[in-house]
Amino acid sequence: SEILNTQMYQNILPAVSANDSESIEQNCVRVRHV
């Protein structure tokens, strides 16, 4: 996302963080979405 935002001159892809309070499945669903 950082590379693409830099190369496209836009901040169009948000950073995403793992969440210890979410299940393994929920974390994987979120990162898959990005």
ModelCIF file with pLDDT and N, C-alpha, C, O atoms, coordinates in Angstrom:
data_MODEL
#
_entry.id   MODEL 
#
_entity.id                         1 
_entity.type                       polymer 
_entity.pdbx_number_of_molecules   1 
#
_entity_poly.entity_id                      1 
_entity_poly.type                           'polypeptide(L)' 
_entity_poly.nstd_linkage                   no 
_entity_poly.nstd_monomer                   no 
_entity_poly.pdbx_seq_one_letter_code       SEILNTQMYQNILPAVSANDSESIEQNCVRVRHV 
_entity_poly.pdbx_seq_one_letter_code_can   SEILNTQMYQNILPAVSANDSESIEQNCVRVRHV 
_entity_poly.pdbx_strand_id                 A 
#
loop_
_entity_poly_seq.entity_id 
_entity_poly_seq.num 
_entity_poly_seq.mon_id 
_entity_poly_seq.hetero 
1 1  SER n 
1 2  GLU n 
1 3  ILE n 
1 4  LEU n 
1 5  ASN n 
1 6  THR n 
1 7  GLN n 
1 8  MET n 
1 9  TYR n 
1 10 GLN n 
1 11 ASN n 
1 12 ILE n 
1 13 LEU n 
1 14 PRO n 
1 15 ALA n 
1 16 VAL n 
1 17 SER n 
1 18 ALA n 
1 19 ASN n 
1 20 ASP n 
1 21 SER n 
1 22 GLU n 
1 23 SER n 
1 24 ILE n 
1 25 GLU n 
1 26 GLN n 
1 27 ASN n 
1 28 CYS n 
1 29 VAL n 
1 30 ARG n 
1 31 VAL n 
1 32 ARG n 
1 33 HIS n 
1 34 VAL n 
#
_struct_asym.id          A 
_struct_asym.entity_id   1 
#
loop_
_ma_qa_metric.id 
_ma_qa_metric.mode 
_ma_qa_metric.name 
_ma_qa_metric.software_group_id 
_ma_qa_metric.type 
1 global pLDDT . pLDDT 
2 local  pLDDT . pLDDT 
#
_ma_qa_metric_global.metric_id      1 
_ma_qa_metric_global.metric_value   89.68 
_ma_qa_metric_global.model_id       1 
_ma_qa_metric_global.ordinal_id     1 
#
loop_
_ma_qa_metric_local.label_asym_id 
_ma_qa_metric_local.label_comp_id 
_ma_qa_metric_local.label_seq_id 
_ma_qa_metric_local.metric_id 
_ma_qa_metric_local.metric_value 
_ma_qa_metric_local.model_id 
_ma_qa_metric_local.ordinal_id 
A SER 1  2 92.00 1 1  
A GLU 2  2 91.00 1 2  
A ILE 3  2 89.00 1 3  
A LEU 4  2 87.00 1 4  
A ASN 5  2 86.00 1 5  
A THR 6  2 81.00 1 6  
A GLN 7  2 75.00 1 7  
A MET 8  2 71.00 1 8  
A TYR 9  2 66.00 1 9  
A GLN 10 2 72.00 1 10 
A ASN 11 2 76.00 1 11 
A ILE 12 2 77.00 1 12 
A LEU 13 2 83.00 1 13 
A PRO 14 2 84.00 1 14 
A ALA 15 2 89.00 1 15 
A VAL 16 2 94.00 1 16 
A SER 17 2 95.00 1 17 
A ALA 18 2 97.00 1 18 
A ASN 19 2 97.00 1 19 
A ASP 20 2 95.00 1 20 
A SER 21 2 96.00 1 21 
A GLU 22 2 97.00 1 22 
A SER 23 2 96.00 1 23 
A ILE 24 2 96.00 1 24 
A GLU 25 2 97.00 1 25 
A GLN 26 2 97.00 1 26 
A ASN 27 2 97.00 1 27 
A CYS 28 2 97.00 1 28 
A VAL 29 2 97.00 1 29 
A ARG 30 2 97.00 1 30 
A VAL 31 2 97.00 1 31 
A ARG 32 2 97.00 1 32 
A HIS 33 2 96.00 1 33 
A VAL 34 2 95.00 1 34 
#
loop_
_atom_site.group_PDB 
_atom_site.id 
_atom_site.type_symbol 
_atom_site.label_atom_id 
_atom_site.label_alt_id 
_atom_site.label_comp_id 
_atom_site.label_asym_id 
_atom_site.label_entity_id 
_atom_site.label_seq_id 
_atom_site.pdbx_PDB_ins_code 
_atom_site.Cartn_x 
_atom_site.Cartn_y 
_atom_site.Cartn_z 
_atom_site.occupancy 
_atom_site.B_iso_or_equiv 
_atom_site.pdbx_formal_charge 
_atom_site.auth_seq_id 
_atom_site.auth_comp_id 
_atom_site.auth_asym_id 
_atom_site.auth_atom_id 
_atom_site.pdbx_PDB_model_num 
ATOM 1   N N  . SER A 1 1  ? 0.834   -1.205  0.000  1.00 92.00 ? 1  SER A N  1 
ATOM 2   C CA . SER A 1 1  ? 0.000   0.000   0.000  1.00 92.00 ? 1  SER A CA 1 
ATOM 3   C C  . SER A 1 1  ? 0.865   1.250   0.000  1.00 92.00 ? 1  SER A C  1 
ATOM 4   O O  . SER A 1 1  ? 0.573   2.217   -0.704 1.00 92.00 ? 1  SER A O  1 
ATOM 5   N N  . GLU A 1 2  ? 1.924   1.227   0.787  1.00 91.00 ? 2  GLU A N  1 
ATOM 6   C CA . GLU A 1 2  ? 2.846   2.366   0.850  1.00 91.00 ? 2  GLU A CA 1 
ATOM 7   C C  . GLU A 1 2  ? 3.491   2.618   -0.509 1.00 91.00 ? 2  GLU A C  1 
ATOM 8   O O  . GLU A 1 2  ? 3.579   3.760   -0.960 1.00 91.00 ? 2  GLU A O  1 
ATOM 9   N N  . ILE A 1 3  ? 3.943   1.544   -1.160 1.00 89.00 ? 3  ILE A N  1 
ATOM 10  C CA . ILE A 1 3  ? 4.564   1.674   -2.482 1.00 89.00 ? 3  ILE A CA 1 
ATOM 11  C C  . ILE A 1 3  ? 3.582   2.249   -3.482 1.00 89.00 ? 3  ILE A C  1 
ATOM 12  O O  . ILE A 1 3  ? 3.917   3.167   -4.231 1.00 89.00 ? 3  ILE A O  1 
ATOM 13  N N  . LEU A 1 4  ? 2.365   1.712   -3.497 1.00 87.00 ? 4  LEU A N  1 
ATOM 14  C CA . LEU A 1 4  ? 1.359   2.173   -4.456 1.00 87.00 ? 4  LEU A CA 1 
ATOM 15  C C  . LEU A 1 4  ? 0.937   3.608   -4.186 1.00 87.00 ? 4  LEU A C  1 
ATOM 16  O O  . LEU A 1 4  ? 0.790   4.396   -5.120 1.00 87.00 ? 4  LEU A O  1 
ATOM 17  N N  . ASN A 1 5  ? 0.743   3.954   -2.930 1.00 86.00 ? 5  ASN A N  1 
ATOM 18  C CA . ASN A 1 5  ? 0.380   5.336   -2.601 1.00 86.00 ? 5  ASN A CA 1 
ATOM 19  C C  . ASN A 1 5  ? 1.462   6.302   -3.067 1.00 86.00 ? 5  ASN A C  1 
ATOM 20  O O  . ASN A 1 5  ? 1.168   7.389   -3.566 1.00 86.00 ? 5  ASN A O  1 
ATOM 21  N N  . THR A 1 6  ? 2.712   5.895   -2.900 1.00 81.00 ? 6  THR A N  1 
ATOM 22  C CA . THR A 1 6  ? 3.837   6.741   -3.322 1.00 81.00 ? 6  THR A CA 1 
ATOM 23  C C  . THR A 1 6  ? 3.897   6.840   -4.843 1.00 81.00 ? 6  THR A C  1 
ATOM 24  O O  . THR A 1 6  ? 4.074   7.928   -5.392 1.00 81.00 ? 6  THR A O  1 
ATOM 25  N N  . GLN A 1 7  ? 3.751   5.712   -5.516 1.00 75.00 ? 7  GLN A N  1 
ATOM 26  C CA . GLN A 1 7  ? 3.879   5.706   -6.971 1.00 75.00 ? 7  GLN A CA 1 
ATOM 27  C C  . GLN A 1 7  ? 2.697   6.375   -7.666 1.00 75.00 ? 7  GLN A C  1 
ATOM 28  O O  . GLN A 1 7  ? 2.845   6.920   -8.760 1.00 75.00 ? 7  GLN A O  1 
ATOM 29  N N  . MET A 1 8  ? 1.519   6.333   -7.031 1.00 71.00 ? 8  MET A N  1 
ATOM 30  C CA . MET A 1 8  ? 0.320   6.902   -7.652 1.00 71.00 ? 8  MET A CA 1 
ATOM 31  C C  . MET A 1 8  ? 0.065   8.344   -7.223 1.00 71.00 ? 8  MET A C  1 
ATOM 32  O O  . MET A 1 8  ? -0.916  8.955   -7.645 1.00 71.00 ? 8  MET A O  1 
ATOM 33  N N  . TYR A 1 9  ? 0.949   8.888   -6.383 1.00 66.00 ? 9  TYR A N  1 
ATOM 34  C CA . TYR A 1 9  ? 0.779   10.256  -5.877 1.00 66.00 ? 9  TYR A CA 1 
ATOM 35  C C  . TYR A 1 9  ? -0.550  10.439  -5.150 1.00 66.00 ? 9  TYR A C  1 
ATOM 36  O O  . TYR A 1 9  ? -1.094  11.543  -5.136 1.00 66.00 ? 9  TYR A O  1 
ATOM 37  N N  . GLN A 1 10 ? -1.071  9.398   -4.559 1.00 72.00 ? 10 GLN A N  1 
ATOM 38  C CA . GLN A 1 10 ? -2.345  9.490   -3.861 1.00 72.00 ? 10 GLN A CA 1 
ATOM 39  C C  . GLN A 1 10 ? -2.282  8.637   -2.602 1.00 72.00 ? 10 GLN A C  1 
ATOM 40  O O  . GLN A 1 10 ? -1.545  7.653   -2.529 1.00 72.00 ? 10 GLN A O  1 
ATOM 41  N N  . ASN A 1 11 ? -3.072  9.039   -1.617 1.00 76.00 ? 11 ASN A N  1 
ATOM 42  C CA . ASN A 1 11 ? -3.160  8.240   -0.396 1.00 76.00 ? 11 ASN A CA 1 
ATOM 43  C C  . ASN A 1 11 ? -4.484  7.484   -0.437 1.00 76.00 ? 11 ASN A C  1 
ATOM 44  O O  . ASN A 1 11 ? -5.417  7.791   0.305  1.00 76.00 ? 11 ASN A O  1 
ATOM 45  N N  . ILE A 1 12 ? -4.547  6.486   -1.325 1.00 77.00 ? 12 ILE A N  1 
ATOM 46  C CA . ILE A 1 12 ? -5.817  5.821   -1.588 1.00 77.00 ? 12 ILE A CA 1 
ATOM 47  C C  . ILE A 1 12 ? -5.946  4.472   -0.892 1.00 77.00 ? 12 ILE A C  1 
ATOM 48  O O  . ILE A 1 12 ? -7.043  3.920   -0.808 1.00 77.00 ? 12 ILE A O  1 
ATOM 49  N N  . LEU A 1 13 ? -4.854  3.946   -0.401 1.00 83.00 ? 13 LEU A N  1 
ATOM 50  C CA . LEU A 1 13 ? -4.894  2.655   0.281  1.00 83.00 ? 13 LEU A CA 1 
ATOM 51  C C  . LEU A 1 13 ? -4.521  2.850   1.749  1.00 83.00 ? 13 LEU A C  1 
ATOM 52  O O  . LEU A 1 13 ? -3.405  3.272   2.051  1.00 83.00 ? 13 LEU A O  1 
ATOM 53  N N  . PRO A 1 14 ? -5.435  2.549   2.653  1.00 84.00 ? 14 PRO A N  1 
ATOM 54  C CA . PRO A 1 14 ? -5.179  2.783   4.079  1.00 84.00 ? 14 PRO A CA 1 
ATOM 55  C C  . PRO A 1 14 ? -4.267  1.722   4.676  1.00 84.00 ? 14 PRO A C  1 
ATOM 56  O O  . PRO A 1 14 ? -4.201  0.591   4.195  1.00 84.00 ? 14 PRO A O  1 
ATOM 57  N N  . ALA A 1 15 ? -3.570  2.110   5.729  1.00 89.00 ? 15 ALA A N  1 
ATOM 58  C CA . ALA A 1 15 ? -2.788  1.132   6.488  1.00 89.00 ? 15 ALA A CA 1 
ATOM 59  C C  . ALA A 1 15 ? -3.760  0.278   7.291  1.00 89.00 ? 15 ALA A C  1 
ATOM 60  O O  . ALA A 1 15 ? -4.831  0.742   7.683  1.00 89.00 ? 15 ALA A O  1 
ATOM 61  N N  . VAL A 1 16 ? -3.386  -0.946  7.526  1.00 94.00 ? 16 VAL A N  1 
ATOM 62  C CA . VAL A 1 16 ? -4.249  -1.860  8.272  1.00 94.00 ? 16 VAL A CA 1 
ATOM 63  C C  . VAL A 1 16 ? -3.399  -2.587  9.307  1.00 94.00 ? 16 VAL A C  1 
ATOM 64  O O  . VAL A 1 16 ? -2.257  -2.954  9.034  1.00 94.00 ? 16 VAL A O  1 
ATOM 65  N N  . SER A 1 17 ? -3.955  -2.790  10.481 1.00 95.00 ? 17 SER A N  1 
ATOM 66  C CA . SER A 1 17 ? -3.181  -3.385  11.570 1.00 95.00 ? 17 SER A CA 1 
ATOM 67  C C  . SER A 1 17 ? -3.844  -4.645  12.092 1.00 95.00 ? 17 SER A C  1 
ATOM 68  O O  . SER A 1 17 ? -5.070  -4.752  12.126 1.00 95.00 ? 17 SER A O  1 
ATOM 69  N N  . ALA A 1 18 ? -3.022  -5.592  12.495 1.00 97.00 ? 18 ALA A N  1 
ATOM 70  C CA . ALA A 1 18 ? -3.541  -6.799  13.144 1.00 97.00 ? 18 ALA A CA 1 
ATOM 71  C C  . ALA A 1 18 ? -4.127  -6.406  14.496 1.00 97.00 ? 18 ALA A C  1 
ATOM 72  O O  . ALA A 1 18 ? -3.637  -5.492  15.159 1.00 97.00 ? 18 ALA A O  1 
ATOM 73  N N  . ASN A 1 19 ? -5.175  -7.104  14.888 1.00 97.00 ? 19 ASN A N  1 
ATOM 74  C CA . ASN A 1 19 ? -5.871  -6.787  16.138 1.00 97.00 ? 19 ASN A CA 1 
ATOM 75  C C  . ASN A 1 19 ? -5.889  -8.022  17.022 1.00 97.00 ? 19 ASN A C  1 
ATOM 76  O O  . ASN A 1 19 ? -6.523  -9.025  16.695 1.00 97.00 ? 19 ASN A O  1 
ATOM 77  N N  . ASP A 1 20 ? -5.183  -7.940  18.150 1.00 95.00 ? 20 ASP A N  1 
ATOM 78  C CA . ASP A 1 20 ? -5.098  -9.077  19.063 1.00 95.00 ? 20 ASP A CA 1 
ATOM 79  C C  . ASP A 1 20 ? -6.434  -9.431  19.703 1.00 95.00 ? 20 ASP A C  1 
ATOM 80  O O  . ASP A 1 20 ? -6.601  -10.525 20.242 1.00 95.00 ? 20 ASP A O  1 
ATOM 81  N N  . SER A 1 21 ? -7.386  -8.502  19.642 1.00 96.00 ? 21 SER A N  1 
ATOM 82  C CA . SER A 1 21 ? -8.703  -8.740  20.248 1.00 96.00 ? 21 SER A CA 1 
ATOM 83  C C  . SER A 1 21 ? -9.688  -9.362  19.266 1.00 96.00 ? 21 SER A C  1 
ATOM 84  O O  . SER A 1 21 ? -10.830 -9.649  19.626 1.00 96.00 ? 21 SER A O  1 
ATOM 85  N N  . GLU A 1 22 ? -9.252  -9.569  18.040 1.00 97.00 ? 22 GLU A N  1 
ATOM 86  C CA . GLU A 1 22 ? -10.090 -10.219 17.041 1.00 97.00 ? 22 GLU A CA 1 
ATOM 87  C C  . GLU A 1 22 ? -9.622  -11.657 16.826 1.00 97.00 ? 22 GLU A C  1 
ATOM 88  O O  . GLU A 1 22 ? -8.485  -12.006 17.141 1.00 97.00 ? 22 GLU A O  1 
ATOM 89  N N  . SER A 1 23 ? -10.504 -12.473 16.292 1.00 96.00 ? 23 SER A N  1 
ATOM 90  C CA . SER A 1 23 ? -10.147 -13.865 16.028 1.00 96.00 ? 23 SER A CA 1 
ATOM 91  C C  . SER A 1 23 ? -9.173  -13.953 14.856 1.00 96.00 ? 23 SER A C  1 
ATOM 92  O O  . SER A 1 23 ? -8.981  -12.988 14.116 1.00 96.00 ? 23 SER A O  1 
ATOM 93  N N  . ILE A 1 24 ? -8.574  -15.111 14.705 1.00 96.00 ? 24 ILE A N  1 
ATOM 94  C CA . ILE A 1 24 ? -7.685  -15.358 13.571 1.00 96.00 ? 24 ILE A CA 1 
ATOM 95  C C  . ILE A 1 24 ? -8.439  -15.126 12.267 1.00 96.00 ? 24 ILE A C  1 
ATOM 96  O O  . ILE A 1 24 ? -7.933  -14.481 11.348 1.00 96.00 ? 24 ILE A O  1 
ATOM 97  N N  . GLU A 1 25 ? -9.639  -15.653 12.200 1.00 97.00 ? 25 GLU A N  1 
ATOM 98  C CA . GLU A 1 25 ? -10.456 -15.518 10.988 1.00 97.00 ? 25 GLU A CA 1 
ATOM 99  C C  . GLU A 1 25 ? -10.779 -14.053 10.698 1.00 97.00 ? 25 GLU A C  1 
ATOM 100 O O  . GLU A 1 25 ? -10.673 -13.615 9.552  1.00 97.00 ? 25 GLU A O  1 
ATOM 101 N N  . GLN A 1 26 ? -11.167 -13.298 11.711 1.00 97.00 ? 26 GLN A N  1 
ATOM 102 C CA . GLN A 1 26 ? -11.510 -11.883 11.516 1.00 97.00 ? 26 GLN A CA 1 
ATOM 103 C C  . GLN A 1 26 ? -10.317 -11.089 11.003 1.00 97.00 ? 26 GLN A C  1 
ATOM 104 O O  . GLN A 1 26 ? -10.464 -10.245 10.120 1.00 97.00 ? 26 GLN A O  1 
ATOM 105 N N  . ASN A 1 27 ? -9.150  -11.351 11.547 1.00 97.00 ? 27 ASN A N  1 
ATOM 106 C CA . ASN A 1 27 ? -7.951  -10.660 11.079 1.00 97.00 ? 27 ASN A CA 1 
ATOM 107 C C  . ASN A 1 27 ? -7.676  -10.982 9.615  1.00 97.00 ? 27 ASN A C  1 
ATOM 108 O O  . ASN A 1 27 ? -7.321  -10.101 8.832  1.00 97.00 ? 27 ASN A O  1 
ATOM 109 N N  . CYS A 1 28 ? -7.842  -12.241 9.256  1.00 97.00 ? 28 CYS A N  1 
ATOM 110 C CA . CYS A 1 28 ? -7.583  -12.650 7.869  1.00 97.00 ? 28 CYS A CA 1 
ATOM 111 C C  . CYS A 1 28 ? -8.601  -12.048 6.906  1.00 97.00 ? 28 CYS A C  1 
ATOM 112 O O  . CYS A 1 28 ? -8.255  -11.693 5.779  1.00 97.00 ? 28 CYS A O  1 
ATOM 113 N N  . VAL A 1 29 ? -9.846  -11.931 7.341  1.00 97.00 ? 29 VAL A N  1 
ATOM 114 C CA . VAL A 1 29 ? -10.878 -11.304 6.504  1.00 97.00 ? 29 VAL A CA 1 
ATOM 115 C C  . VAL A 1 29 ? -10.527 -9.846  6.242  1.00 97.00 ? 29 VAL A C  1 
ATOM 116 O O  . VAL A 1 29 ? -10.675 -9.365  5.119  1.00 97.00 ? 29 VAL A O  1 
ATOM 117 N N  . ARG A 1 30 ? -10.063 -9.141  7.266  1.00 97.00 ? 30 ARG A N  1 
ATOM 118 C CA . ARG A 1 30 ? -9.738  -7.715  7.109  1.00 97.00 ? 30 ARG A CA 1 
ATOM 119 C C  . ARG A 1 30 ? -8.550  -7.506  6.177  1.00 97.00 ? 30 ARG A C  1 
ATOM 120 O O  . ARG A 1 30 ? -8.590  -6.634  5.309  1.00 97.00 ? 30 ARG A O  1 
ATOM 121 N N  . VAL A 1 31 ? -7.498  -8.294  6.349  1.00 97.00 ? 31 VAL A N  1 
ATOM 122 C CA . VAL A 1 31 ? -6.324  -8.093  5.491  1.00 97.00 ? 31 VAL A CA 1 
ATOM 123 C C  . VAL A 1 31 ? -6.642  -8.537  4.065  1.00 97.00 ? 31 VAL A C  1 
ATOM 124 O O  . VAL A 1 31 ? -6.106  -7.972  3.112  1.00 97.00 ? 31 VAL A O  1 
ATOM 125 N N  . ARG A 1 32 ? -7.491  -9.525  3.907  1.00 97.00 ? 32 ARG A N  1 
ATOM 126 C CA . ARG A 1 32 ? -7.900  -9.963  2.570  1.00 97.00 ? 32 ARG A CA 1 
ATOM 127 C C  . ARG A 1 32 ? -8.668  -8.848  1.856  1.00 97.00 ? 32 ARG A C  1 
ATOM 128 O O  . ARG A 1 32 ? -8.531  -8.665  0.646  1.00 97.00 ? 32 ARG A O  1 
ATOM 129 N N  . HIS A 1 33 ? -9.467  -8.117  2.606  1.00 96.00 ? 33 HIS A N  1 
ATOM 130 C CA . HIS A 1 33 ? -10.241 -7.014  2.022  1.00 96.00 ? 33 HIS A CA 1 
ATOM 131 C C  . HIS A 1 33 ? -9.310  -5.947  1.441  1.00 96.00 ? 33 HIS A C  1 
ATOM 132 O O  . HIS A 1 33 ? -9.547  -5.453  0.339  1.00 96.00 ? 33 HIS A O  1 
ATOM 133 N N  . VAL A 1 34 ? -8.256  -5.590  2.174  1.00 95.00 ? 34 VAL A N  1 
ATOM 134 C CA . VAL A 1 34 ? -7.314  -4.589  1.675  1.00 95.00 ? 34 VAL A CA 1 
ATOM 135 C C  . VAL A 1 34 ? -6.532  -5.139  0.488  1.00 95.00 ? 34 VAL A C  1 
ATOM 136 O O  . VAL A 1 34 ? -5.687  -4.440  -0.072 1.00 95.00 ? 34 VAL A O  1 
#
